[in-house]
Amino acid sequence: MKARDWHALVVDRLHPQDAYGIVTESDFVYKVIVYGKDPNKVRVYENMTKPCIVVNPELTLEYVARLFADHHLRRTPVISGDLLGIISLTDILASSSYLE
């Protein structure tokens, strides 16, 4: 994540009925570094959020922004059967006409 300047990764499902997970840079700081754990020995599944809140690509930006505000989210996977991508606060701001 650091090498590519990524702030989060979606953790794939083990089987189709399973939930997606997400691991963020905040997870590493608050669940690994703060406790002095060795990042090379900690497994992703030990620190990821699962199940994570996901959104459908048909939702409006306003709805997603409200969801982010209500649940204190910064980013979430976009899923329609399969993983399509991640939407972030930055994406919402960049697409907002309110900033013009």
N, C-alpha and C. Protein backbone atom coordinates (compact mmCIF):
# COMPACT_ATOMS: atom_id res chain seq x y z
N MET A 1 0.83 -1.19 0.00
CA MET A 1 0.00 0.00 0.00
C MET A 1 0.88 1.25 0.00
N LYS A 2 1.91 1.25 0.80
CA LYS A 2 2.78 2.42 0.89
C LYS A 2 3.47 2.68 -0.44
N ALA A 3 3.97 1.65 -1.08
CA ALA A 3 4.71 1.80 -2.33
C ALA A 3 3.84 2.39 -3.44
N ARG A 4 2.55 2.09 -3.42
CA ARG A 4 1.64 2.56 -4.46
C ARG A 4 0.78 3.75 -4.03
N ASP A 5 1.01 4.22 -2.81
CA ASP A 5 0.23 5.32 -2.24
C ASP A 5 -1.27 5.01 -2.22
N TRP A 6 -1.58 3.78 -1.86
CA TRP A 6 -2.97 3.36 -1.71
C TRP A 6 -3.35 3.53 -0.24
N HIS A 7 -4.60 3.91 -0.02
CA HIS A 7 -5.06 4.13 1.34
C HIS A 7 -5.91 2.98 1.87
N ALA A 8 -6.32 2.09 0.97
CA ALA A 8 -7.15 0.96 1.39
C ALA A 8 -7.08 -0.14 0.34
N LEU A 9 -7.35 -1.35 0.79
CA LEU A 9 -7.46 -2.50 -0.10
C LEU A 9 -8.73 -3.27 0.26
N VAL A 10 -9.43 -3.71 -0.76
CA VAL A 10 -10.59 -4.56 -0.55
C VAL A 10 -10.09 -6.00 -0.43
N VAL A 11 -10.59 -6.70 0.57
CA VAL A 11 -10.21 -8.09 0.78
C VAL A 11 -11.30 -8.96 0.17
N ASP A 12 -10.90 -9.77 -0.80
CA ASP A 12 -11.85 -10.59 -1.55
C ASP A 12 -12.51 -11.65 -0.67
N ARG A 13 -13.64 -12.13 -1.13
CA ARG A 13 -14.39 -13.17 -0.43
C ARG A 13 -13.73 -14.53 -0.64
N LEU A 14 -13.86 -15.40 0.33
CA LEU A 14 -13.36 -16.76 0.18
C LEU A 14 -14.31 -17.60 -0.67
N HIS A 15 -15.60 -17.29 -0.61
CA HIS A 15 -16.61 -17.98 -1.43
C HIS A 15 -17.73 -16.99 -1.72
N PRO A 16 -18.57 -17.27 -2.71
CA PRO A 16 -19.58 -16.28 -3.15
C PRO A 16 -20.53 -15.78 -2.06
N GLN A 17 -20.81 -16.58 -1.05
CA GLN A 17 -21.73 -16.15 0.02
C GLN A 17 -21.02 -15.35 1.11
N ASP A 18 -19.72 -15.28 1.04
CA ASP A 18 -18.92 -14.58 2.04
C ASP A 18 -19.01 -13.07 1.83
N ALA A 19 -18.67 -12.30 2.84
CA ALA A 19 -18.68 -10.83 2.74
C ALA A 19 -17.30 -10.33 2.35
N TYR A 20 -17.28 -9.17 1.68
CA TYR A 20 -16.01 -8.51 1.40
C TYR A 20 -15.50 -7.87 2.69
N GLY A 21 -14.21 -7.70 2.76
CA GLY A 21 -13.60 -6.97 3.86
C GLY A 21 -12.84 -5.78 3.30
N ILE A 22 -12.36 -4.92 4.16
CA ILE A 22 -11.53 -3.79 3.74
C ILE A 22 -10.47 -3.56 4.81
N VAL A 23 -9.26 -3.27 4.38
CA VAL A 23 -8.18 -2.93 5.29
C VAL A 23 -7.63 -1.57 4.85
N THR A 24 -7.48 -0.68 5.81
CA THR A 24 -7.07 0.69 5.51
C THR A 24 -5.77 1.04 6.21
N GLU A 25 -5.21 2.15 5.80
CA GLU A 25 -4.00 2.62 6.46
C GLU A 25 -4.28 2.91 7.94
N SER A 26 -5.49 3.36 8.25
CA SER A 26 -5.85 3.60 9.65
C SER A 26 -5.85 2.30 10.44
N ASP A 27 -6.27 1.21 9.82
CA ASP A 27 -6.23 -0.10 10.49
C ASP A 27 -4.80 -0.43 10.92
N PHE A 28 -3.85 -0.18 10.03
CA PHE A 28 -2.46 -0.47 10.37
C PHE A 28 -1.97 0.41 11.51
N VAL A 29 -2.32 1.68 11.48
CA VAL A 29 -1.86 2.59 12.53
C VAL A 29 -2.50 2.24 13.86
N TYR A 30 -3.84 2.13 13.88
CA TYR A 30 -4.56 1.96 15.14
C TYR A 30 -4.57 0.53 15.69
N LYS A 31 -4.34 -0.46 14.84
CA LYS A 31 -4.42 -1.85 15.31
C LYS A 31 -3.08 -2.57 15.30
N VAL A 32 -2.08 -2.00 14.65
CA VAL A 32 -0.77 -2.66 14.56
C VAL A 32 0.32 -1.78 15.17
N ILE A 33 0.56 -0.63 14.58
CA ILE A 33 1.67 0.23 14.99
C ILE A 33 1.52 0.71 16.44
N VAL A 34 0.32 1.17 16.80
CA VAL A 34 0.08 1.68 18.15
C VAL A 34 0.41 0.64 19.21
N TYR A 35 0.18 -0.63 18.90
CA TYR A 35 0.43 -1.69 19.88
C TYR A 35 1.80 -2.33 19.72
N GLY A 36 2.64 -1.75 18.87
CA GLY A 36 4.00 -2.25 18.72
C GLY A 36 4.10 -3.62 18.08
N LYS A 37 3.07 -4.00 17.35
CA LYS A 37 3.09 -5.31 16.67
C LYS A 37 4.00 -5.24 15.45
N ASP A 38 4.59 -6.35 15.10
CA ASP A 38 5.45 -6.43 13.92
C ASP A 38 4.57 -6.57 12.68
N PRO A 39 4.54 -5.54 11.81
CA PRO A 39 3.69 -5.59 10.61
C PRO A 39 3.99 -6.78 9.70
N ASN A 40 5.19 -7.31 9.78
CA ASN A 40 5.55 -8.46 8.95
C ASN A 40 4.97 -9.78 9.47
N LYS A 41 4.48 -9.75 10.70
CA LYS A 41 3.92 -10.97 11.29
C LYS A 41 2.41 -10.93 11.45
N VAL A 42 1.82 -9.75 11.26
CA VAL A 42 0.38 -9.59 11.43
C VAL A 42 -0.32 -9.92 10.12
N ARG A 43 -1.38 -10.70 10.18
CA ARG A 43 -2.16 -11.08 9.00
C ARG A 43 -3.26 -10.05 8.73
N VAL A 44 -3.57 -9.87 7.46
CA VAL A 44 -4.59 -8.91 7.06
C VAL A 44 -5.91 -9.21 7.75
N TYR A 45 -6.33 -10.48 7.78
CA TYR A 45 -7.63 -10.83 8.35
C TYR A 45 -7.75 -10.46 9.83
N GLU A 46 -6.63 -10.29 10.51
CA GLU A 46 -6.65 -9.95 11.93
C GLU A 46 -7.03 -8.48 12.17
N ASN A 47 -6.90 -7.65 11.15
CA ASN A 47 -7.09 -6.22 11.33
C ASN A 47 -8.08 -5.58 10.38
N MET A 48 -8.60 -6.33 9.44
CA MET A 48 -9.52 -5.75 8.47
C MET A 48 -10.92 -5.60 9.07
N THR A 49 -11.72 -4.79 8.42
CA THR A 49 -13.13 -4.66 8.78
C THR A 49 -13.91 -5.60 7.88
N LYS A 50 -14.66 -6.49 8.50
CA LYS A 50 -15.46 -7.46 7.74
C LYS A 50 -16.64 -7.87 8.59
N PRO A 51 -17.83 -7.80 8.07
CA PRO A 51 -18.16 -7.31 6.73
C PRO A 51 -18.04 -5.79 6.70
N CYS A 52 -17.77 -5.27 5.53
CA CYS A 52 -17.69 -3.82 5.39
C CYS A 52 -18.94 -3.32 4.66
N ILE A 53 -19.24 -2.06 4.85
CA ILE A 53 -20.36 -1.44 4.15
C ILE A 53 -19.97 -1.31 2.69
N VAL A 54 -20.84 -1.76 1.81
CA VAL A 54 -20.61 -1.66 0.37
C VAL A 54 -21.76 -0.88 -0.26
N VAL A 55 -21.50 -0.31 -1.45
CA VAL A 55 -22.55 0.44 -2.13
C VAL A 55 -22.76 -0.11 -3.53
N ASN A 56 -23.97 0.11 -4.02
CA ASN A 56 -24.36 -0.27 -5.36
C ASN A 56 -24.01 0.88 -6.30
N PRO A 57 -23.53 0.61 -7.51
CA PRO A 57 -23.16 1.71 -8.41
C PRO A 57 -24.33 2.58 -8.85
N GLU A 58 -25.56 2.14 -8.63
CA GLU A 58 -26.73 2.91 -9.03
C GLU A 58 -27.14 3.98 -8.01
N LEU A 59 -26.52 3.99 -6.83
CA LEU A 59 -26.86 4.97 -5.81
C LEU A 59 -26.38 6.35 -6.22
N THR A 60 -27.06 7.38 -5.74
CA THR A 60 -26.64 8.74 -6.04
C THR A 60 -25.46 9.13 -5.14
N LEU A 61 -24.69 10.13 -5.59
CA LEU A 61 -23.59 10.62 -4.77
C LEU A 61 -24.09 11.21 -3.46
N GLU A 62 -25.25 11.86 -3.49
CA GLU A 62 -25.82 12.42 -2.28
C GLU A 62 -26.10 11.32 -1.26
N TYR A 63 -26.68 10.22 -1.73
CA TYR A 63 -26.98 9.10 -0.83
C TYR A 63 -25.68 8.54 -0.23
N VAL A 64 -24.68 8.34 -1.08
CA VAL A 64 -23.41 7.78 -0.61
C VAL A 64 -22.74 8.75 0.36
N ALA A 65 -22.81 10.05 0.09
CA ALA A 65 -22.23 11.05 0.99
C ALA A 65 -22.90 10.99 2.36
N ARG A 66 -24.22 10.85 2.37
CA ARG A 66 -24.95 10.74 3.64
C ARG A 66 -24.57 9.45 4.39
N LEU A 67 -24.41 8.37 3.64
CA LEU A 67 -23.98 7.10 4.22
C LEU A 67 -22.60 7.26 4.86
N PHE A 68 -21.69 7.92 4.14
CA PHE A 68 -20.35 8.17 4.68
C PHE A 68 -20.44 8.99 5.96
N ALA A 69 -21.25 10.03 5.96
CA ALA A 69 -21.39 10.89 7.14
C ALA A 69 -21.99 10.12 8.31
N ASP A 70 -23.03 9.34 8.06
CA ASP A 70 -23.71 8.60 9.12
C ASP A 70 -22.82 7.54 9.76
N HIS A 71 -21.92 6.94 8.96
CA HIS A 71 -21.10 5.83 9.45
C HIS A 71 -19.62 6.18 9.57
N HIS A 72 -19.29 7.47 9.41
CA HIS A 72 -17.91 7.94 9.52
C HIS A 72 -16.97 7.18 8.59
N LEU A 73 -17.39 7.03 7.34
CA LEU A 73 -16.58 6.32 6.33
C LEU A 73 -15.73 7.30 5.53
N ARG A 74 -14.64 6.81 5.02
CA ARG A 74 -13.80 7.59 4.11
C ARG A 74 -13.80 6.97 2.72
N ARG A 75 -14.09 5.67 2.67
CA ARG A 75 -14.13 4.96 1.40
C ARG A 75 -14.88 3.65 1.59
N THR A 76 -15.42 3.13 0.50
CA THR A 76 -16.13 1.86 0.57
C THR A 76 -16.13 1.20 -0.81
N PRO A 77 -16.18 -0.14 -0.85
CA PRO A 77 -16.24 -0.84 -2.13
C PRO A 77 -17.56 -0.60 -2.86
N VAL A 78 -17.48 -0.58 -4.18
CA VAL A 78 -18.67 -0.50 -5.04
C VAL A 78 -18.86 -1.88 -5.62
N ILE A 79 -20.04 -2.46 -5.37
CA ILE A 79 -20.28 -3.85 -5.76
C ILE A 79 -21.62 -3.99 -6.45
N SER A 80 -21.59 -4.70 -7.56
CA SER A 80 -22.82 -5.09 -8.26
C SER A 80 -22.59 -6.52 -8.71
N GLY A 81 -22.81 -7.44 -7.79
CA GLY A 81 -22.47 -8.84 -8.05
C GLY A 81 -21.00 -9.09 -7.78
N ASP A 82 -20.13 -8.36 -8.48
CA ASP A 82 -18.68 -8.44 -8.29
C ASP A 82 -18.15 -7.07 -7.87
N LEU A 83 -16.94 -7.05 -7.40
CA LEU A 83 -16.29 -5.81 -7.03
C LEU A 83 -16.02 -4.98 -8.27
N LEU A 84 -16.51 -3.72 -8.28
CA LEU A 84 -16.29 -2.82 -9.41
C LEU A 84 -15.21 -1.79 -9.12
N GLY A 85 -15.02 -1.46 -7.85
CA GLY A 85 -14.02 -0.46 -7.47
C GLY A 85 -14.26 0.04 -6.07
N ILE A 86 -13.66 1.18 -5.77
CA ILE A 86 -13.80 1.82 -4.46
C ILE A 86 -14.21 3.26 -4.70
N ILE A 87 -15.14 3.76 -3.90
CA ILE A 87 -15.48 5.18 -3.94
C ILE A 87 -15.00 5.80 -2.63
N SER A 88 -14.44 7.00 -2.74
CA SER A 88 -13.88 7.67 -1.56
C SER A 88 -14.48 9.05 -1.39
N LEU A 89 -14.19 9.66 -0.25
CA LEU A 89 -14.61 11.03 -0.02
C LEU A 89 -14.06 11.95 -1.10
N THR A 90 -12.83 11.72 -1.51
CA THR A 90 -12.22 12.53 -2.56
C THR A 90 -12.99 12.41 -3.87
N ASP A 91 -13.44 11.21 -4.20
CA ASP A 91 -14.24 11.01 -5.41
C ASP A 91 -15.54 11.81 -5.34
N ILE A 92 -16.17 11.78 -4.18
CA ILE A 92 -17.44 12.50 -4.01
C ILE A 92 -17.21 14.00 -4.14
N LEU A 93 -16.17 14.50 -3.51
CA LEU A 93 -15.87 15.93 -3.62
C LEU A 93 -15.54 16.34 -5.05
N ALA A 94 -14.76 15.51 -5.73
CA ALA A 94 -14.37 15.83 -7.10
C ALA A 94 -15.56 15.84 -8.04
N SER A 95 -16.60 15.06 -7.75
CA SER A 95 -17.79 14.98 -8.60
C SER A 95 -18.88 15.94 -8.20
N SER A 96 -18.68 16.65 -7.10
CA SER A 96 -19.72 17.52 -6.57
C SER A 96 -19.76 18.86 -7.28
N SER A 97 -20.96 19.26 -7.64
CA SER A 97 -21.15 20.58 -8.27
C SER A 97 -21.21 21.68 -7.21
N TYR A 98 -21.29 21.33 -5.95
CA TYR A 98 -21.37 22.32 -4.88
C TYR A 98 -20.07 23.08 -4.68
N LEU A 99 -18.97 22.52 -5.19
CA LEU A 99 -17.67 23.17 -4.99
C LEU A 99 -17.37 24.23 -6.04
N GLU A 100 -18.18 24.34 -7.06
CA GLU A 100 -17.89 25.29 -8.14
C GLU A 100 -18.09 26.73 -7.70
